[in-house]
N, C-alpha and C. Protein backbone atom coordinates (compact mmCIF):
# COMPACT_ATOMS: atom_id res chain seq x y z
N MET A 1 -62.03 25.41 6.79
CA MET A 1 -62.34 25.20 5.43
C MET A 1 -61.09 24.59 4.66
N GLN A 2 -61.38 23.46 3.94
CA GLN A 2 -60.25 22.84 3.25
C GLN A 2 -60.54 22.46 1.86
N THR A 3 -59.56 22.01 1.07
CA THR A 3 -59.86 21.70 -0.29
C THR A 3 -60.32 20.30 -0.19
N VAL A 4 -60.96 19.84 -1.41
CA VAL A 4 -61.63 18.62 -1.62
C VAL A 4 -60.53 17.43 -1.36
N VAL A 5 -59.38 17.67 -2.01
CA VAL A 5 -58.28 16.57 -1.86
C VAL A 5 -57.81 16.52 -0.49
N ILE A 6 -57.71 17.52 0.37
CA ILE A 6 -57.31 17.39 1.65
C ILE A 6 -58.30 16.49 2.42
N GLY A 7 -59.67 17.03 2.13
CA GLY A 7 -60.74 16.18 2.80
C GLY A 7 -60.77 14.78 2.44
N ILE A 8 -60.47 14.35 1.07
CA ILE A 8 -60.40 12.98 0.75
C ILE A 8 -59.20 12.12 1.63
N VAL A 9 -58.07 12.95 1.66
CA VAL A 9 -56.93 12.40 2.33
C VAL A 9 -57.18 12.22 3.80
N ARG A 10 -57.91 13.04 4.41
CA ARG A 10 -58.26 12.91 5.91
C ARG A 10 -59.40 11.79 5.99
N MET A 11 -60.22 11.57 4.99
CA MET A 11 -61.15 10.45 4.98
C MET A 11 -60.31 9.10 5.13
N LEU A 12 -59.26 9.20 4.38
CA LEU A 12 -58.53 7.86 4.19
C LEU A 12 -57.96 7.31 5.61
N GLY A 13 -57.53 8.37 6.33
CA GLY A 13 -56.91 8.08 7.76
C GLY A 13 -55.66 7.43 7.66
N ILE A 14 -55.39 6.78 8.79
CA ILE A 14 -54.25 6.05 9.01
C ILE A 14 -54.28 4.53 8.66
N ALA A 15 -55.32 4.05 9.21
CA ALA A 15 -55.65 2.54 9.11
C ALA A 15 -56.50 2.38 7.96
N GLU A 16 -55.97 1.88 6.82
CA GLU A 16 -56.67 1.68 5.58
C GLU A 16 -57.73 0.62 5.61
N ALA A 17 -57.69 -0.29 6.64
CA ALA A 17 -58.71 -1.35 6.81
C ALA A 17 -60.06 -0.62 7.38
N LEU A 18 -60.06 0.50 7.73
CA LEU A 18 -61.19 1.10 8.38
C LEU A 18 -61.80 2.11 7.49
N VAL A 19 -61.35 2.26 6.29
CA VAL A 19 -61.76 3.40 5.42
C VAL A 19 -63.06 3.02 4.65
N ASP A 20 -64.05 3.83 4.68
CA ASP A 20 -65.29 3.82 3.94
C ASP A 20 -65.07 4.17 2.51
N TRP A 21 -64.70 3.04 1.67
CA TRP A 21 -64.32 3.45 0.38
C TRP A 21 -65.33 3.86 -0.61
N GLU A 22 -66.52 3.58 -0.21
CA GLU A 22 -67.69 3.96 -0.98
C GLU A 22 -67.88 5.48 -0.90
N LEU A 23 -67.65 5.95 0.43
CA LEU A 23 -67.65 7.41 0.55
C LEU A 23 -66.62 8.23 -0.08
N VAL A 24 -65.41 7.63 0.00
CA VAL A 24 -64.17 8.17 -0.58
C VAL A 24 -64.30 8.37 -2.13
N MET A 25 -64.85 7.17 -2.85
CA MET A 25 -65.08 7.25 -4.20
C MET A 25 -66.16 8.29 -4.59
N ALA A 26 -67.20 8.20 -3.93
CA ALA A 26 -68.47 9.10 -4.30
C ALA A 26 -68.00 10.60 -4.11
N THR A 27 -67.06 10.90 -3.09
CA THR A 27 -66.54 12.29 -2.93
C THR A 27 -65.61 12.67 -4.14
N ALA A 28 -64.90 11.62 -4.49
CA ALA A 28 -63.86 11.97 -5.59
C ALA A 28 -64.68 12.18 -6.84
N VAL A 29 -65.67 11.37 -7.07
CA VAL A 29 -66.57 11.63 -8.49
C VAL A 29 -67.20 13.01 -8.32
N LEU A 30 -67.80 13.36 -7.21
CA LEU A 30 -68.43 14.65 -7.08
C LEU A 30 -67.38 15.81 -7.26
N ALA A 31 -66.07 15.56 -6.71
CA ALA A 31 -65.21 16.56 -6.87
C ALA A 31 -64.75 16.89 -8.41
N MET A 32 -64.70 15.75 -9.28
CA MET A 32 -64.35 15.77 -10.55
C MET A 32 -65.43 16.25 -11.57
N THR A 33 -66.73 16.31 -10.98
CA THR A 33 -67.97 16.61 -11.84
C THR A 33 -67.90 18.02 -12.39
N LEU A 34 -67.48 19.08 -11.62
CA LEU A 34 -67.50 20.42 -12.04
C LEU A 34 -66.46 20.62 -13.07
N PRO A 35 -65.12 20.21 -12.87
CA PRO A 35 -64.23 20.55 -13.92
C PRO A 35 -64.39 19.87 -15.16
N VAL A 36 -65.02 18.66 -15.03
CA VAL A 36 -65.40 17.88 -16.40
C VAL A 36 -66.51 18.70 -17.10
N LEU A 37 -67.55 19.03 -16.42
CA LEU A 37 -68.61 19.95 -17.10
C LEU A 37 -68.15 21.07 -17.72
N VAL A 38 -67.09 21.89 -17.01
CA VAL A 38 -66.67 23.12 -17.65
C VAL A 38 -65.92 22.83 -18.82
N VAL A 39 -64.95 21.68 -18.90
CA VAL A 39 -64.29 21.50 -20.06
C VAL A 39 -65.31 20.96 -21.25
N VAL A 40 -66.25 20.22 -20.88
CA VAL A 40 -67.26 19.72 -21.96
C VAL A 40 -68.05 20.79 -22.61
N PHE A 41 -68.49 21.91 -21.75
CA PHE A 41 -69.37 22.88 -22.19
C PHE A 41 -68.40 24.02 -23.00
N MET A 42 -67.16 24.18 -22.54
CA MET A 42 -66.40 25.32 -23.00
C MET A 42 -65.33 24.66 -23.97
N GLN A 43 -65.42 23.47 -24.41
CA GLN A 43 -64.51 22.77 -25.30
C GLN A 43 -64.20 23.71 -26.53
N ARG A 44 -65.28 24.28 -27.21
CA ARG A 44 -65.14 25.15 -28.39
C ARG A 44 -64.16 26.17 -28.13
N TRP A 45 -64.30 26.90 -27.10
CA TRP A 45 -63.52 28.08 -26.76
C TRP A 45 -62.20 27.78 -26.46
N LEU A 46 -61.97 26.53 -25.67
CA LEU A 46 -60.73 26.16 -25.25
C LEU A 46 -59.84 25.76 -26.35
N ILE A 47 -60.30 25.05 -27.39
CA ILE A 47 -59.66 24.58 -28.46
C ILE A 47 -59.25 25.82 -29.45
N MET A 48 -60.26 26.75 -29.65
CA MET A 48 -59.98 27.91 -30.39
C MET A 48 -58.91 28.71 -29.75
N GLY A 49 -58.89 28.89 -28.45
CA GLY A 49 -57.87 29.70 -27.89
C GLY A 49 -56.59 28.89 -27.97
N LEU A 50 -56.33 27.59 -28.05
CA LEU A 50 -55.17 26.95 -28.22
C LEU A 50 -54.67 27.05 -29.70
N THR A 51 -55.45 26.88 -30.53
CA THR A 51 -55.14 26.94 -31.87
C THR A 51 -55.04 28.24 -32.60
N GLU A 52 -55.57 29.32 -32.18
CA GLU A 52 -55.67 30.44 -32.75
C GLU A 52 -54.21 31.30 -32.67
N THR A 53 -53.78 31.87 -33.96
CA THR A 53 -52.40 32.35 -33.90
C THR A 53 -52.65 33.97 -34.15
N GLU A 54 -51.91 34.75 -33.68
CA GLU A 54 -51.85 36.26 -34.07
C GLU A 54 -51.20 36.41 -35.28
N LYS A 55 -51.72 37.17 -36.18
CA LYS A 55 -51.06 37.61 -37.41
C LYS A 55 -50.74 39.05 -37.49
């Protein structure tokens, strides 16, 4: 088991001429989807937590 970033680096390999860039880019987009969705759906609470001050 490995992280997505390590998997993408291993897909790049040594010889850049033989890289399947479509597969690498699709993997990168899928890896970014979950964090983006979390930020979009929880934006209200994230901003509230950043701006809220204790009195």
